[in-house]
Amino acid sequence: MHLRLIFLCSILTVVTAEEEAVIKYDTVTFNKLVPKKNHYVLFYAPWTSELKSLSPVWEELAQKIKKTPEADVVIAKVDCTTETKLCSHQDASEYPTRCMDLEPIWKQIAEEFQYEEDLVVGVVDCTMSKTTCNENEVRGYPSILWLVEGVVAEKYPSKDRTFDPLRKYVLNKLGKKEPTKLTRAVDAEEDPDLGSSVMKLEQENFHEVASSENATFVHFWTAWCSECMTLEVTWEALGEYFHSSDSPVKVTIAKVDCVLQKPLCEELQVDEFPTINVYRKGELEHIYAGGRKLDDLIDFVTLAAKTKKLVEEL
């Protein structure tokens, strides 16, 4: 059984009046226009200090939506100091800081349960994945969903989104008293024969591994990316193939979870998933864009590993 705990969020903030991509609604325009089209609406209070730090994020979001034709959505805002009845009716009392407040706690939850075999803790940005959020009937942010076999089984029932209640909730759903811990006896990094043949890379070991003279092939993935989940099985098989004593070349097959290792992925400028990069001697040598079947990957890795430096034709 495959379980997923998903945090769905729409990261919103305030903008200045000069930015044409953002529409400011009052009660009349809100009631008239919102029912006619998909919207992401920021309910804000101009006196909140958090809004100033979030302004660049909102600007970036507005521009991305504006430049993405398939994103059939309007980015708007409502000042809750002047439209108090509208905000109250929309249950907008905490404003856009809730998603940002939850992010570090969610990372803690992901780390706490990272060794559960049947559980994936993921994140979906509903501004970029509108269809996914609509299909799962997400109406407010942040929303926390418990999914079983890809189907929503329950919405997190509490408004308390601090670490301890969330941890207790996950343990209850798993029917456990404590999360699984990776002991030294089965540490895959210390003894690969007892664990995965794919090396797990983190901030602490990435640069050391990527500095090898042998090629390192890295799959950057996230739990909310369905293509990543499909590729994961193939990637594991690829690791086993090149980990065997019959391997024709010496390479490292690795992966990075960009939910748990967000700062590392940002440093490496990886923002699309799945991404497969080749590193050698500490440098990004190639971004793979070929087929993702096992035979395609084996052929590419074998050829690339025998080549001192990859060229664009590969």
Protein backbone atom coordinates (compact mmCIF):
# COMPACT_ATOMS: atom_id res chain seq x y z
CA MET A 1 0.00 0.00 0.00
CA HIS A 2 1.39 3.39 -1.01
CA LEU A 3 0.57 6.28 1.32
CA ARG A 4 1.18 9.96 0.76
CA LEU A 5 0.81 12.94 3.04
CA ILE A 6 0.57 16.04 0.89
CA PHE A 7 0.82 19.71 1.85
CA LEU A 8 -0.92 21.86 -0.75
CA CYS A 9 -0.19 25.53 -0.75
CA SER A 10 -0.65 28.68 -2.74
CA ILE A 11 2.14 31.13 -1.93
CA LEU A 12 0.66 34.59 -2.08
CA THR A 13 1.76 38.05 -1.04
CA VAL A 14 1.10 41.75 -1.55
CA VAL A 15 2.15 43.85 -4.55
CA THR A 16 2.25 47.49 -5.52
CA ALA A 17 -0.45 49.16 -7.55
CA GLU A 18 1.87 49.63 -10.53
CA GLU A 19 2.08 45.91 -11.30
CA GLU A 20 -0.43 45.30 -14.07
CA ALA A 21 -0.43 41.52 -13.56
CA VAL A 22 -2.23 41.89 -10.24
CA ILE A 23 -5.88 42.89 -9.97
CA LYS A 24 -7.17 44.54 -6.80
CA TYR A 25 -10.76 43.58 -5.99
CA ASP A 26 -13.34 45.20 -3.79
CA THR A 27 -16.53 43.41 -2.75
CA VAL A 28 -18.43 44.33 -5.92
CA THR A 29 -15.73 43.30 -8.41
CA PHE A 30 -14.91 40.16 -6.40
CA ASN A 31 -18.51 38.91 -6.45
CA LYS A 32 -18.87 39.80 -10.14
CA LEU A 33 -15.62 38.36 -11.56
CA VAL A 34 -14.46 35.50 -9.35
CA PRO A 35 -17.33 33.13 -10.31
CA LYS A 36 -16.49 33.56 -14.00
CA LYS A 37 -12.88 32.33 -13.95
CA ASN A 38 -10.29 30.50 -11.86
CA HIS A 39 -8.62 32.80 -9.34
CA TYR A 40 -5.84 32.89 -6.79
CA VAL A 41 -6.77 35.70 -4.45
CA LEU A 42 -4.57 37.21 -1.77
CA PHE A 43 -6.50 38.38 1.28
CA TYR A 44 -4.12 40.70 3.10
CA ALA A 45 -3.72 43.45 5.63
CA PRO A 46 -1.20 46.13 4.59
CA TRP A 47 0.13 46.56 8.13
CA THR A 48 1.49 43.00 8.46
CA SER A 49 5.29 42.99 8.42
CA GLU A 50 5.46 39.60 6.68
CA LEU A 51 3.98 41.04 3.49
CA LYS A 52 7.04 43.17 2.77
CA SER A 53 9.32 40.14 2.73
CA LEU A 54 6.85 38.19 0.58
CA SER A 55 6.41 40.88 -2.07
CA PRO A 56 9.15 39.52 -4.40
CA VAL A 57 7.54 36.08 -4.26
CA TRP A 58 4.18 37.49 -5.31
CA GLU A 59 5.80 39.46 -8.10
CA GLU A 60 7.54 36.35 -9.40
CA LEU A 61 4.31 34.34 -9.21
CA ALA A 62 2.32 37.00 -11.06
CA GLN A 63 4.87 37.23 -13.85
CA LYS A 64 5.10 33.42 -14.23
CA ILE A 65 1.33 33.10 -14.48
CA LYS A 66 1.21 35.97 -16.96
CA LYS A 67 3.79 34.26 -19.19
CA THR A 68 2.18 30.81 -18.97
CA PRO A 69 -0.71 30.56 -21.47
CA GLU A 70 -1.99 27.25 -20.10
CA ALA A 71 -2.31 28.74 -16.61
CA ASP A 72 -5.89 29.92 -17.08
CA VAL A 73 -6.07 31.83 -13.82
CA VAL A 74 -6.31 35.39 -12.52
CA ILE A 75 -3.97 36.67 -9.81
CA ALA A 76 -5.81 39.12 -7.56
CA LYS A 77 -5.81 40.65 -4.08
CA VAL A 78 -8.24 42.00 -1.51
CA ASP A 79 -7.39 44.48 1.23
CA CYS A 80 -9.09 43.09 4.33
CA THR A 81 -8.81 46.37 6.21
CA THR A 82 -11.30 47.94 3.80
CA GLU A 83 -13.28 44.86 2.67
CA THR A 84 -13.84 43.38 6.14
CA LYS A 85 -17.20 41.70 5.42
CA LEU A 86 -15.89 40.05 2.27
CA CYS A 87 -12.81 38.70 4.06
CA SER A 88 -14.89 37.45 6.95
CA HIS A 89 -17.26 35.68 4.57
CA GLN A 90 -14.26 34.03 2.86
CA ASP A 91 -12.85 32.95 6.23
CA ALA A 92 -9.72 35.00 5.56
CA SER A 93 -8.39 35.86 9.00
CA GLU A 94 -4.78 34.68 9.01
CA TYR A 95 -3.74 35.97 5.58
CA PRO A 96 -0.97 34.56 3.37
CA THR A 97 1.63 33.78 6.03
CA ARG A 98 0.10 30.37 6.81
CA CYS A 99 1.79 28.52 3.96
CA MET A 100 5.14 30.09 4.74
CA ASP A 101 4.75 29.30 8.44
CA LEU A 102 4.04 25.65 7.68
CA GLU A 103 6.98 25.13 5.31
CA PRO A 104 9.75 24.60 7.93
CA ILE A 105 7.45 22.40 10.04
CA TRP A 106 6.58 20.34 6.98
CA LYS A 107 10.27 19.79 6.30
CA GLN A 108 10.64 18.47 9.86
CA ILE A 109 7.75 16.06 9.27
CA ALA A 110 9.35 14.84 6.04
CA GLU A 111 12.65 14.22 7.82
CA GLU A 112 10.92 12.53 10.76
CA PHE A 113 9.21 9.97 8.51
CA GLN A 114 11.78 9.66 5.72
CA TYR A 115 12.46 5.97 6.43
CA GLU A 116 8.86 4.78 6.23
CA GLU A 117 8.73 2.34 3.32
CA ASP A 118 5.10 3.03 2.38
CA LEU A 119 4.86 6.74 3.14
CA VAL A 120 5.84 9.72 1.03
CA VAL A 121 5.59 13.25 2.43
CA GLY A 122 5.20 15.72 -0.42
CA VAL A 123 4.34 19.28 -1.40
CA VAL A 124 2.17 20.64 -4.21
CA ASP A 125 2.27 24.31 -5.21
CA CYS A 126 -1.29 24.95 -6.33
CA THR A 127 -0.33 28.05 -8.27
CA MET A 128 1.68 25.84 -10.64
CA SER A 129 -0.39 22.63 -10.35
CA LYS A 130 -3.92 23.97 -10.62
CA THR A 131 -5.36 20.81 -12.20
CA THR A 132 -4.06 18.55 -9.45
CA CYS A 133 -5.49 20.79 -6.74
CA ASN A 134 -8.85 21.12 -8.49
CA GLU A 135 -9.10 17.35 -8.99
CA ASN A 136 -8.56 16.86 -5.26
CA GLU A 137 -11.09 19.58 -4.37
CA VAL A 138 -8.60 21.83 -2.61
CA ARG A 139 -10.40 25.03 -1.67
CA GLY A 140 -8.16 26.61 0.95
CA TYR A 141 -4.47 26.97 1.74
CA PRO A 142 -2.58 25.35 3.22
CA SER A 143 -4.47 22.06 2.92
CA ILE A 144 -3.09 18.76 4.19
CA LEU A 145 -4.39 15.57 2.57
CA TRP A 146 -3.86 11.92 3.44
CA LEU A 147 -3.83 9.84 0.24
CA VAL A 148 -3.99 6.07 -0.13
CA GLU A 149 -3.09 4.61 -3.53
CA GLY A 150 -3.32 8.12 -5.00
CA VAL A 151 -6.84 8.78 -3.71
CA VAL A 152 -7.71 11.28 -0.97
CA ALA A 153 -8.72 9.29 2.10
CA GLU A 154 -8.92 12.15 4.58
CA LYS A 155 -8.26 15.83 5.04
CA TYR A 156 -6.21 16.76 8.09
CA PRO A 157 -8.96 17.48 10.64
CA SER A 158 -7.21 19.98 12.92
CA LYS A 159 -6.29 23.65 12.53
CA ASP A 160 -3.25 23.04 14.75
CA ARG A 161 -0.44 22.61 12.22
CA THR A 162 2.47 22.61 14.64
CA PHE A 163 5.01 19.78 14.64
CA ASP A 164 3.77 17.65 17.55
CA PRO A 165 0.09 17.37 16.44
CA LEU A 166 1.14 16.64 12.85
CA ARG A 167 3.61 13.99 14.03
CA LYS A 168 0.95 12.38 16.21
CA TYR A 169 -1.53 12.42 13.32
CA VAL A 170 0.87 10.61 10.98
CA LEU A 171 1.76 8.02 13.63
CA ASN A 172 -1.94 7.35 14.24
CA LYS A 173 -2.57 6.89 10.51
CA LEU A 174 0.37 4.49 10.30
CA GLY A 175 -0.75 2.63 13.42
CA LYS A 176 2.64 3.15 15.07
CA LYS A 177 3.99 4.62 18.30
CA GLU A 178 7.28 5.84 16.84
CA PRO A 179 8.58 6.48 13.30
CA THR A 180 11.03 4.09 11.66
CA LYS A 181 14.68 4.92 12.27
CA LEU A 182 17.56 3.82 10.04
CA THR A 183 19.96 1.90 12.26
CA ARG A 184 23.68 1.41 11.58
CA ALA A 185 23.06 -2.27 10.96
CA VAL A 186 21.13 -1.47 7.79
CA ASP A 187 22.71 1.86 6.81
CA ALA A 188 22.74 1.76 3.00
CA GLU A 189 25.51 4.36 2.77
CA GLU A 190 27.81 2.31 5.03
CA ASP A 191 26.97 -1.06 3.45
CA PRO A 192 25.36 -0.77 -0.01
CA ASP A 193 24.72 -4.54 -0.15
CA LEU A 194 22.17 -4.13 2.64
CA GLY A 195 20.39 -1.18 1.08
CA SER A 196 19.66 0.56 -2.18
CA SER A 197 22.21 0.58 -4.99
CA VAL A 198 21.28 4.22 -5.57
CA MET A 199 23.28 6.61 -3.41
CA LYS A 200 21.21 9.14 -1.46
CA LEU A 201 22.82 12.58 -1.76
CA GLU A 202 22.33 15.46 0.66
CA GLN A 203 23.85 18.87 1.27
CA GLU A 204 26.55 17.26 3.42
CA ASN A 205 27.86 14.77 0.86
CA PHE A 206 26.80 16.00 -2.58
CA HIS A 207 29.87 18.05 -3.51
CA GLU A 208 32.30 15.38 -2.31
CA VAL A 209 30.61 12.69 -4.40
CA ALA A 210 30.21 14.94 -7.46
CA SER A 211 33.93 15.81 -7.32
CA SER A 212 34.93 12.27 -8.28
CA GLU A 213 36.80 11.70 -11.54
CA ASN A 214 34.18 9.07 -12.33
CA ALA A 215 30.82 10.26 -13.58
CA THR A 216 27.96 10.70 -11.12
CA PHE A 217 24.42 10.42 -12.51
CA VAL A 218 21.87 12.19 -10.30
CA HIS A 219 18.08 11.95 -10.37
CA PHE A 220 16.53 15.06 -8.78
CA TRP A 221 12.98 14.25 -7.68
CA THR A 222 10.06 15.30 -5.49
CA ALA A 223 7.31 13.24 -3.92
CA TRP A 224 4.53 15.19 -5.67
CA CYS A 225 5.97 14.55 -9.15
CA SER A 226 4.19 11.55 -10.71
CA GLU A 227 6.86 11.20 -13.44
CA CYS A 228 9.49 11.03 -10.69
CA MET A 229 7.63 8.17 -9.01
CA THR A 230 7.50 6.29 -12.32
CA LEU A 231 11.20 6.87 -12.94
CA GLU A 232 12.15 5.80 -9.40
CA VAL A 233 11.68 2.09 -10.16
CA THR A 234 13.78 2.34 -13.32
CA TRP A 235 16.44 4.38 -11.50
CA GLU A 236 16.73 1.70 -8.82
CA ALA A 237 17.19 -0.95 -11.51
CA LEU A 238 19.83 1.25 -13.15
CA GLY A 239 21.66 1.48 -9.84
CA GLU A 240 21.57 -2.28 -9.38
CA TYR A 241 22.90 -2.83 -12.91
CA PHE A 242 25.96 -0.63 -12.43
CA HIS A 243 26.49 -1.72 -8.83
CA SER A 244 26.94 -5.35 -9.85
CA SER A 245 30.36 -6.94 -10.32
CA ASP A 246 29.56 -7.33 -14.02
CA SER A 247 29.20 -3.58 -14.55
CA PRO A 248 31.09 -2.50 -17.70
CA VAL A 249 32.04 0.88 -16.18
CA LYS A 250 32.64 2.52 -12.83
CA VAL A 251 29.97 5.15 -12.13
CA THR A 252 27.80 6.40 -9.28
CA ILE A 253 24.02 6.33 -9.63
CA ALA A 254 22.47 8.73 -7.13
CA LYS A 255 19.36 10.70 -6.28
CA VAL A 256 18.38 13.90 -4.44
CA ASP A 257 15.02 14.48 -2.76
CA CYS A 258 14.37 18.16 -3.50
CA VAL A 259 11.69 18.40 -0.81
CA LEU A 260 14.14 17.46 1.95
CA GLN A 261 17.11 19.07 0.20
CA LYS A 262 15.50 22.24 -1.08
CA PRO A 263 18.52 24.53 -0.39
CA LEU A 264 20.81 22.15 -2.30
CA CYS A 265 18.46 21.99 -5.30
CA GLU A 266 18.17 25.78 -5.32
CA GLU A 267 21.97 26.07 -5.19
CA LEU A 268 22.23 23.72 -8.18
CA GLN A 269 19.43 25.61 -9.97
CA VAL A 270 17.26 22.51 -10.30
CA ASP A 271 13.61 23.57 -10.44
CA GLU A 272 12.03 21.08 -12.86
CA PHE A 273 11.29 17.46 -12.03
CA PRO A 274 12.42 14.91 -12.79
CA THR A 275 15.86 16.25 -13.73
CA ILE A 276 18.80 13.96 -14.53
CA ASN A 277 22.23 15.60 -14.38
CA VAL A 278 25.71 14.22 -14.94
CA TYR A 279 28.52 15.53 -12.71
CA ARG A 280 32.25 14.94 -12.95
CA LYS A 281 35.16 16.60 -11.10
CA GLY A 282 32.71 18.88 -9.30
CA GLU A 283 31.12 20.30 -12.44
CA LEU A 284 27.77 19.85 -14.15
CA GLU A 285 28.75 18.10 -17.36
CA HIS A 286 25.44 17.23 -18.97
CA ILE A 287 21.66 17.56 -18.51
CA TYR A 288 20.09 14.35 -19.76
CA ALA A 289 17.07 14.69 -22.04
CA GLY A 290 16.92 11.25 -23.62
CA GLY A 291 14.62 8.27 -23.17
CA ARG A 292 13.78 7.07 -19.68
CA LYS A 293 13.46 3.37 -20.37
CA LEU A 294 16.06 1.22 -18.62
CA ASP A 295 17.84 0.21 -21.85
CA ASP A 296 18.09 3.88 -22.93
CA LEU A 297 19.63 4.86 -19.60
CA ILE A 298 22.05 1.92 -19.53
CA ASP A 299 23.30 2.73 -23.04
CA PHE A 300 23.76 6.40 -22.17
CA VAL A 301 25.50 5.79 -18.84
CA THR A 302 27.85 3.22 -20.39
CA LEU A 303 28.83 5.53 -23.24
CA ALA A 304 29.08 8.63 -21.06
CA ALA A 305 31.17 6.90 -18.41
CA LYS A 306 33.71 5.85 -21.03
CA THR A 307 33.93 9.40 -22.37
CA LYS A 308 36.36 11.73 -20.61
CA LYS A 309 34.05 14.70 -21.14
CA LEU A 310 30.54 14.62 -22.52
CA VAL A 311 29.74 16.62 -25.64
CA GLU A 312 26.40 18.07 -26.66
CA GLU A 313 25.79 15.26 -29.16
CA LEU A 314 25.28 12.88 -26.26
